């Protein structure tokens, strides 16, 4: 399965107390504290570090688009793909 695999690892309990950047306001839920994320895949660029602002919804959006699924909620529908 490796040639078509994407493994996403996130830490979603950082507490945000260490972060020097306040989270941006996206909507009523806000973005919350930044958390690290790893994507392990043959499609990932080796050694690449992205500085693009993302949201946990980006993982959901990735799954929706790759498997042709309908959005689960308004935030998943409106998040940029």
PDB file of N, CA and C in Angstrom:
ATOM      1  N   UNK A   1       0.809  -1.199   0.000  1.00  0.00           N
ATOM      2  CA  UNK A   1       0.000   0.000   0.000  1.00  0.00           C
ATOM      3  C   UNK A   1       0.853   1.263   0.000  1.00  0.00           C
ATOM      4  N   UNK A   2       2.146   1.148   0.291  1.00  0.00           N
ATOM      5  CA  UNK A   2       2.990   2.336   0.435  1.00  0.00           C
ATOM      6  C   UNK A   2       2.939   3.296  -0.754  1.00  0.00           C
ATOM      7  N   UNK A   3       2.934   2.842  -1.998  1.00  0.00           N
ATOM      8  CA  UNK A   3       2.946   3.798  -3.117  1.00  0.00           C
ATOM      9  C   UNK A   3       1.765   4.771  -3.141  1.00  0.00           C
ATOM     10  N   UNK A   4       0.651   4.436  -2.476  1.00  0.00           N
ATOM     11  CA  UNK A   4      -0.526   5.312  -2.488  1.00  0.00           C
ATOM     12  C   UNK A   4      -0.933   5.744  -1.082  1.00  0.00           C
ATOM     13  N   UNK A   5      -0.014   5.679  -0.150  1.00  0.00           N
ATOM     14  CA  UNK A   5      -0.323   5.908   1.263  1.00  0.00           C
ATOM     15  C   UNK A   5       0.020   7.335   1.712  1.00  0.00           C
ATOM     16  N   UNK A   6      -0.751   7.838   2.673  1.00  0.00           N
ATOM     17  CA  UNK A   6      -0.438   9.099   3.352  1.00  0.00           C
ATOM     18  C   UNK A   6      -0.791   8.913   4.828  1.00  0.00           C
ATOM     19  N   UNK A   7       0.204   9.022   5.686  1.00  0.00           N
ATOM     20  CA  UNK A   7       0.006   8.895   7.129  1.00  0.00           C
ATOM     21  C   UNK A   7       0.129  10.290   7.723  1.00  0.00           C
ATOM     22  N   UNK A   8      -0.905  10.721   8.446  1.00  0.00           N
ATOM     23  CA  UNK A   8      -0.919  12.047   9.053  1.00  0.00           C
ATOM     24  C   UNK A   8      -0.830  11.881  10.567  1.00  0.00           C
ATOM     25  N   UNK A   9       0.173  12.524  11.186  1.00  0.00           N
ATOM     26  CA  UNK A   9       0.382  12.456  12.633  1.00  0.00           C
ATOM     27  C   UNK A   9       0.308  13.878  13.180  1.00  0.00           C
ATOM     28  N   UNK A  10      -0.604  14.108  14.132  1.00  0.00           N
ATOM     29  CA  UNK A  10      -0.707  15.429  14.754  1.00  0.00           C
ATOM     30  C   UNK A  10      -0.692  15.286  16.267  1.00  0.00           C
ATOM     31  N   UNK A  11      -0.243  16.342  16.926  1.00  0.00           N
ATOM     32  CA  UNK A  11      -0.301  16.439  18.380  1.00  0.00           C
ATOM     33  C   UNK A  11      -1.361  17.493  18.661  1.00  0.00           C
ATOM     34  N   UNK A  12      -2.469  17.095  19.217  1.00  0.00           N
ATOM     35  CA  UNK A  12      -3.575  18.031  19.370  1.00  0.00           C
ATOM     36  C   UNK A  12      -3.822  18.418  20.822  1.00  0.00           C
ATOM     37  N   UNK A  13      -2.788  18.389  21.631  1.00  0.00           N
ATOM     38  CA  UNK A  13      -2.974  18.766  23.037  1.00  0.00           C
ATOM     39  C   UNK A  13      -1.800  19.612  23.523  1.00  0.00           C
ATOM     40  N   UNK A  14      -1.414  20.575  22.704  1.00  0.00           N
ATOM     41  CA  UNK A  14      -0.229  21.369  23.028  1.00  0.00           C
ATOM     42  C   UNK A  14      -0.477  22.362  24.151  1.00  0.00           C
ATOM     43  N   UNK A  15      -1.702  22.811  24.327  1.00  0.00           N
ATOM     44  CA  UNK A  15      -1.992  23.816  25.329  1.00  0.00           C
ATOM     45  C   UNK A  15      -1.649  25.218  24.860  1.00  0.00           C
ATOM     46  N   UNK A  16      -0.735  25.350  23.914  1.00  0.00           N
ATOM     47  CA  UNK A  16      -0.411  26.633  23.325  1.00  0.00           C
ATOM     48  C   UNK A  16       0.355  27.593  24.216  1.00  0.00           C
ATOM     49  N   UNK A  17       0.711  27.188  25.422  1.00  0.00           N
ATOM     50  CA  UNK A  17       1.377  28.107  26.343  1.00  0.00           C
ATOM     51  C   UNK A  17       2.793  28.461  25.907  1.00  0.00           C
ATOM     52  N   UNK A  18       3.396  27.651  25.083  1.00  0.00           N
ATOM     53  CA  UNK A  18       4.767  27.872  24.631  1.00  0.00           C
ATOM     54  C   UNK A  18       4.833  28.747  23.391  1.00  0.00           C
ATOM     55  N   UNK A  19       3.736  28.926  22.703  1.00  0.00           N
ATOM     56  CA  UNK A  19       3.741  29.577  21.402  1.00  0.00           C
ATOM     57  C   UNK A  19       3.877  31.090  21.522  1.00  0.00           C
ATOM     58  N   UNK A  20       4.726  31.660  20.707  1.00  0.00           N
ATOM     59  CA  UNK A  20       4.952  33.103  20.721  1.00  0.00           C
ATOM     60  C   UNK A  20       4.030  33.846  19.746  1.00  0.00           C
ATOM     61  N   UNK A  21       3.180  33.108  19.010  1.00  0.00           N
ATOM     62  CA  UNK A  21       2.291  33.710  18.027  1.00  0.00           C
ATOM     63  C   UNK A  21       0.850  33.443  18.444  1.00  0.00           C
ATOM     64  N   UNK A  22       0.041  34.486  18.648  1.00  0.00           N
ATOM     65  CA  UNK A  22      -1.365  34.243  19.005  1.00  0.00           C
ATOM     66  C   UNK A  22      -2.127  33.635  17.824  1.00  0.00           C
ATOM     67  N   UNK A  23      -3.089  32.758  18.107  1.00  0.00           N
ATOM     68  CA  UNK A  23      -3.841  32.150  17.002  1.00  0.00           C
ATOM     69  C   UNK A  23      -4.727  33.173  16.306  1.00  0.00           C
ATOM     70  N   UNK A  24      -4.842  33.080  14.984  1.00  0.00           N
ATOM     71  CA  UNK A  24      -5.707  34.007  14.241  1.00  0.00           C
ATOM     72  C   UNK A  24      -7.175  33.672  14.461  1.00  0.00           C
ATOM     73  N   UNK A  25      -8.035  34.657  14.273  1.00  0.00           N
ATOM     74  CA  UNK A  25      -9.478  34.448  14.363  1.00  0.00           C
ATOM     75  C   UNK A  25      -9.996  34.123  12.964  1.00  0.00           C
ATOM     76  N   UNK A  26     -10.465  32.903  12.770  1.00  0.00           N
ATOM     77  CA  UNK A  26     -11.012  32.504  11.482  1.00  0.00           C
ATOM     78  C   UNK A  26     -12.527  32.591  11.466  1.00  0.00           C
ATOM     79  N   UNK A  27     -13.130  32.167  12.564  1.00  0.00           N
ATOM     80  CA  UNK A  27     -14.574  32.177  12.707  1.00  0.00           C
ATOM     81  C   UNK A  27     -14.889  32.143  14.196  1.00  0.00           C
ATOM     82  N   UNK A  28     -16.116  31.815  14.566  1.00  0.00           N
ATOM     83  CA  UNK A  28     -16.489  31.812  15.985  1.00  0.00           C
ATOM     84  C   UNK A  28     -15.707  30.785  16.803  1.00  0.00           C
ATOM     85  N   UNK A  29     -15.199  29.738  16.152  1.00  0.00           N
ATOM     86  CA  UNK A  29     -14.421  28.712  16.852  1.00  0.00           C
ATOM     87  C   UNK A  29     -12.958  29.103  16.995  1.00  0.00           C
ATOM     88  N   UNK A  30     -12.481  29.993  16.144  1.00  0.00           N
ATOM     89  CA  UNK A  30     -11.077  30.374  16.173  1.00  0.00           C
ATOM     90  C   UNK A  30     -10.198  29.254  15.656  1.00  0.00           C
ATOM     91  N   UNK A  31      -8.915  29.529  15.543  1.00  0.00           N
ATOM     92  CA  UNK A  31      -7.987  28.525  15.027  1.00  0.00           C
ATOM     93  C   UNK A  31      -7.377  27.705  16.147  1.00  0.00           C
ATOM     94  N   UNK A  32      -7.314  28.247  17.344  1.00  0.00           N
ATOM     95  CA  UNK A  32      -6.685  27.524  18.440  1.00  0.00           C
ATOM     96  C   UNK A  32      -5.168  27.600  18.346  1.00  0.00           C
ATOM     97  N   UNK A  33      -4.465  26.982  19.290  1.00  0.00           N
ATOM     98  CA  UNK A  33      -3.008  27.038  19.281  1.00  0.00           C
ATOM     99  C   UNK A  33      -2.421  26.231  18.125  1.00  0.00           C
ATOM    100  N   UNK A  34      -1.226  26.610  17.719  1.00  0.00           N
ATOM    101  CA  UNK A  34      -0.553  25.863  16.656  1.00  0.00           C
ATOM    102  C   UNK A  34      -0.113  24.512  17.202  1.00  0.00           C
ATOM    103  N   UNK A  35      -0.177  23.498  16.365  1.00  0.00           N
ATOM    104  CA  UNK A  35       0.256  22.151  16.746  1.00  0.00           C
ATOM    105  C   UNK A  35       1.128  21.582  15.631  1.00  0.00           C
ATOM    106  N   UNK A  36       2.120  20.777  15.998  1.00  0.00           N
ATOM    107  CA  UNK A  36       2.955  20.165  14.960  1.00  0.00           C
ATOM    108  C   UNK A  36       2.193  19.076  14.211  1.00  0.00           C
ATOM    109  N   UNK A  37       2.597  18.852  12.968  1.00  0.00           N
ATOM    110  CA  UNK A  37       1.985  17.809  12.151  1.00  0.00           C
ATOM    111  C   UNK A  37       3.040  17.202  11.243  1.00  0.00           C
ATOM    112  N   UNK A  38       3.004  15.891  11.101  1.00  0.00           N
ATOM    113  CA  UNK A  38       3.876  15.184  10.164  1.00  0.00           C
ATOM    114  C   UNK A  38       3.010  14.508   9.115  1.00  0.00           C
ATOM    115  N   UNK A  39       3.457  14.560   7.867  1.00  0.00           N
ATOM    116  CA  UNK A  39       2.822  13.802   6.806  1.00  0.00           C
ATOM    117  C   UNK A  39       3.888  12.873   6.248  1.00  0.00           C
ATOM    118  N   UNK A  40       3.634  11.577   6.385  1.00  0.00           N
ATOM    119  CA  UNK A  40       4.586  10.562   5.942  1.00  0.00           C
ATOM    120  C   UNK A  40       3.976   9.895   4.715  1.00  0.00           C
ATOM    121  N   UNK A  41       4.620  10.074   3.570  1.00  0.00           N
ATOM    122  CA  UNK A  41       4.035   9.599   2.325  1.00  0.00           C
ATOM    123  C   UNK A  41       5.078   9.649   1.220  1.00  0.00           C
ATOM    124  N   UNK A  42       4.952   8.789   0.223  1.00  0.00           N
ATOM    125  CA  UNK A  42       5.849   8.910  -0.929  1.00  0.00           C
ATOM    126  C   UNK A  42       5.575  10.185  -1.728  1.00  0.00           C
ATOM    127  N   UNK A  43       4.428  10.828  -1.490  1.00  0.00           N
ATOM    128  CA  UNK A  43       4.085  12.080  -2.176  1.00  0.00           C
ATOM    129  C   UNK A  43       4.679  13.300  -1.476  1.00  0.00           C
ATOM    130  N   UNK A  44       5.120  13.127  -0.227  1.00  0.00           N
ATOM    131  CA  UNK A  44       5.664  14.253   0.546  1.00  0.00           C
ATOM    132  C   UNK A  44       7.087  14.573   0.068  1.00  0.00           C
ATOM    133  N   UNK A  45       7.423  15.857   0.085  1.00  0.00           N
ATOM    134  CA  UNK A  45       8.778  16.276  -0.273  1.00  0.00           C
ATOM    135  C   UNK A  45       9.722  15.992   0.886  1.00  0.00           C
ATOM    136  N   UNK A  46      10.801  15.311   0.623  1.00  0.00           N
ATOM    137  CA  UNK A  46      11.767  14.930   1.658  1.00  0.00           C
ATOM    138  C   UNK A  46      12.388  16.174   2.306  1.00  0.00           C
ATOM    139  N   UNK A  47      12.330  16.228   3.650  1.00  0.00           N
ATOM    140  CA  UNK A  47      12.932  17.319   4.399  1.00  0.00           C
ATOM    141  C   UNK A  47      12.204  18.651   4.304  1.00  0.00           C
ATOM    142  N   UNK A  48      11.034  18.685   3.702  1.00  0.00           N
ATOM    143  CA  UNK A  48      10.303  19.938   3.496  1.00  0.00           C
ATOM    144  C   UNK A  48       9.565  20.352   4.768  1.00  0.00           C
ATOM    145  N   UNK A  49       9.630  21.620   5.089  1.00  0.00           N
ATOM    146  CA  UNK A  49       8.885  22.188   6.210  1.00  0.00           C
ATOM    147  C   UNK A  49       7.995  23.291   5.651  1.00  0.00           C
ATOM    148  N   UNK A  50       6.698  23.127   5.815  1.00  0.00           N
ATOM    149  CA  UNK A  50       5.754  24.122   5.330  1.00  0.00           C
ATOM    150  C   UNK A  50       5.482  25.142   6.430  1.00  0.00           C
ATOM    151  N   UNK A  51       5.392  26.394   6.041  1.00  0.00           N
ATOM    152  CA  UNK A  51       5.058  27.461   6.979  1.00  0.00           C
ATOM    153  C   UNK A  51       3.680  28.044   6.655  1.00  0.00           C
ATOM    154  N   UNK A  52       2.913  27.311   5.870  1.00  0.00           N
ATOM    155  CA  UNK A  52       1.568  27.730   5.496  1.00  0.00           C
ATOM    156  C   UNK A  52       0.631  27.488   6.672  1.00  0.00           C
ATOM    157  N   UNK A  53      -0.196  28.489   6.986  1.00  0.00           N
ATOM    158  CA  UNK A  53      -1.166  28.335   8.068  1.00  0.00           C
ATOM    159  C   UNK A  53      -2.226  27.332   7.646  1.00  0.00           C
ATOM    160  N   UNK A  54      -2.439  26.355   8.485  1.00  0.00           N
ATOM    161  CA  UNK A  54      -3.443  25.322   8.219  1.00  0.00           C
ATOM    162  C   UNK A  54      -4.358  25.210   9.424  1.00  0.00           C
ATOM    163  N   UNK A  55      -5.255  24.270   9.366  1.00  0.00           N
ATOM    164  CA  UNK A  55      -6.247  24.019  10.399  1.00  0.00           C
ATOM    165  C   UNK A  55      -6.458  22.513  10.407  1.00  0.00           C
ATOM    166  N   UNK A  56      -6.899  21.950  11.523  1.00  0.00           N
ATOM    167  CA  UNK A  56      -7.180  20.514  11.544  1.00  0.00           C
ATOM    168  C   UNK A  56      -8.190  20.141  10.471  1.00  0.00           C
ATOM    169  N   UNK A  57      -9.022  21.094  10.075  1.00  0.00           N
ATOM    170  CA  UNK A  57     -10.005  20.846   9.032  1.00  0.00           C
ATOM    171  C   UNK A  57      -9.307  20.561   7.701  1.00  0.00           C
ATOM    172  N   UNK A  58      -8.064  21.007   7.529  1.00  0.00           N
ATOM    173  CA  UNK A  58      -7.345  20.729   6.286  1.00  0.00           C
ATOM    174  C   UNK A  58      -7.139  19.228   6.093  1.00  0.00           C
ATOM    175  N   UNK A  59      -6.991  18.486   7.186  1.00  0.00           N
ATOM    176  CA  UNK A  59      -6.859  17.025   7.091  1.00  0.00           C
ATOM    177  C   UNK A  59      -8.175  16.432   6.612  1.00  0.00           C
ATOM    178  N   UNK A  60      -9.269  16.893   7.189  1.00  0.00           N
ATOM    179  CA  UNK A  60     -10.592  16.433   6.777  1.00  0.00           C
ATOM    180  C   UNK A  60     -10.844  16.781   5.319  1.00  0.00           C
ATOM    181  N   UNK A  61     -10.476  17.986   4.928  1.00  0.00           N
ATOM    182  CA  UNK A  61     -10.675  18.421   3.536  1.00  0.00           C
ATOM    183  C   UNK A  61      -9.865  17.557   2.567  1.00  0.00           C
ATOM    184  N   UNK A  62      -8.643  17.194   2.950  1.00  0.00           N
ATOM    185  CA  UNK A  62      -7.790  16.308   2.148  1.00  0.00           C
ATOM    186  C   UNK A  62      -8.502  14.967   1.923  1.00  0.00           C
ATOM    187  N   UNK A  63      -9.066  14.402   2.983  1.00  0.00           N
ATOM    188  CA  UNK A  63      -9.772  13.122   2.887  1.00  0.00           C
ATOM    189  C   UNK A  63     -11.020  13.268   2.019  1.00  0.00           C
ATOM    190  N   UNK A  64     -11.798  14.332   2.235  1.00  0.00           N
ATOM    191  CA  UNK A  64     -13.012  14.573   1.449  1.00  0.00           C
ATOM    192  C   UNK A  64     -12.712  14.635  -0.043  1.00  0.00           C
ATOM    193  N   UNK A  65     -11.689  15.416  -0.406  1.00  0.00           N
ATOM    194  CA  UNK A  65     -11.393  15.614  -1.815  1.00  0.00           C
ATOM    195  C   UNK A  65     -10.819  14.374  -2.470  1.00  0.00           C
ATOM    196  N   UNK A  66      -9.976  13.633  -1.743  1.00  0.00           N
ATOM    197  CA  UNK A  66      -9.367  12.448  -2.330  1.00  0.00           C
ATOM    198  C   UNK A  66     -10.330  11.276  -2.474  1.00  0.00           C
ATOM    199  N   UNK A  67     -11.364  11.226  -1.666  1.00  0.00           N
ATOM    200  CA  UNK A  67     -12.314  10.125  -1.733  1.00  0.00           C
ATOM    201  C   UNK A  67     -13.691  10.562  -2.218  1.00  0.00           C
ATOM    202  N   UNK A  68     -13.812  11.821  -2.668  1.00  0.00           N
ATOM    203  CA  UNK A  68     -15.065  12.308  -3.223  1.00  0.00           C
ATOM    204  C   UNK A  68     -16.213  12.339  -2.221  1.00  0.00           C
ATOM    205  N   UNK A  69     -15.906  12.689  -0.966  1.00  0.00           N
ATOM    206  CA  UNK A  69     -16.919  12.714   0.082  1.00  0.00           C
ATOM    207  C   UNK A  69     -17.505  14.115   0.256  1.00  0.00           C
ATOM    208  N   UNK A  70     -18.731  14.180   0.704  1.00  0.00           N
ATOM    209  CA  UNK A  70     -19.380  15.465   0.982  1.00  0.00           C
ATOM    210  C   UNK A  70     -18.839  16.034   2.292  1.00  0.00           C
ATOM    211  N   UNK A  71     -18.794  17.354   2.436  1.00  0.00           N
ATOM    212  CA  UNK A  71     -18.342  17.972   3.685  1.00  0.00           C
ATOM    213  C   UNK A  71     -19.225  17.568   4.863  1.00  0.00           C
ATOM    214  N   UNK A  72     -18.610  17.405   6.041  1.00  0.00           N
ATOM    215  CA  UNK A  72     -19.356  17.026   7.235  1.00  0.00           C
ATOM    216  C   UNK A  72     -20.034  18.202   7.911  1.00  0.00           C
ATOM    217  N   UNK A  73     -19.476  19.425   7.722  1.00  0.00           N
ATOM    218  CA  UNK A  73     -20.060  20.602   8.367  1.00  0.00           C
ATOM    219  C   UNK A  73     -19.689  21.854   7.576  1.00  0.00           C
ATOM    220  N   UNK A  74     -20.180  23.007   8.033  1.00  0.00           N
ATOM    221  CA  UNK A  74     -19.949  24.267   7.313  1.00  0.00           C
ATOM    222  C   UNK A  74     -18.478  24.639   7.268  1.00  0.00           C
ATOM    223  N   UNK A  75     -17.737  24.378   8.339  1.00  0.00           N
ATOM    224  CA  UNK A  75     -16.319  24.734   8.359  1.00  0.00           C
ATOM    225  C   UNK A  75     -15.537  23.904   7.339  1.00  0.00           C
ATOM    226  N   UNK A  76     -15.841  22.618   7.255  1.00  0.00           N
ATOM    227  CA  UNK A  76     -15.178  21.759   6.266  1.00  0.00           C
ATOM    228  C   UNK A  76     -15.552  22.165   4.845  1.00  0.00           C
ATOM    229  N   UNK A  77     -16.755  22.680   4.654  1.00  0.00           N
ATOM    230  CA  UNK A  77     -17.211  23.125   3.338  1.00  0.00           C
ATOM    231  C   UNK A  77     -16.514  24.413   2.916  1.00  0.00           C
ATOM    232  N   UNK A  78     -16.281  25.315   3.871  1.00  0.00           N
ATOM    233  CA  UNK A  78     -15.745  26.638   3.513  1.00  0.00           C
ATOM    234  C   UNK A  78     -14.228  26.718   3.608  1.00  0.00           C
ATOM    235  N   UNK A  79     -13.570  25.715   4.194  1.00  0.00           N
ATOM    236  CA  UNK A  79     -12.108  25.765   4.323  1.00  0.00           C
ATOM    237  C   UNK A  79     -11.471  25.700   2.953  1.00  0.00           C
ATOM    238  N   UNK A  80     -10.477  26.571   2.681  1.00  0.00           N
ATOM    239  CA  UNK A  80      -9.851  26.565   1.363  1.00  0.00           C
ATOM    240  C   UNK A  80      -9.195  25.224   1.058  1.00  0.00           C
ATOM    241  N   UNK A  81      -9.390  24.745  -0.127  1.00  0.00           N
ATOM    242  CA  UNK A  81      -8.817  23.466  -0.525  1.00  0.00           C
ATOM    243  C   UNK A  81      -7.585  23.672  -1.208  1.00  0.00           C
TER     244      UNK A  81
END
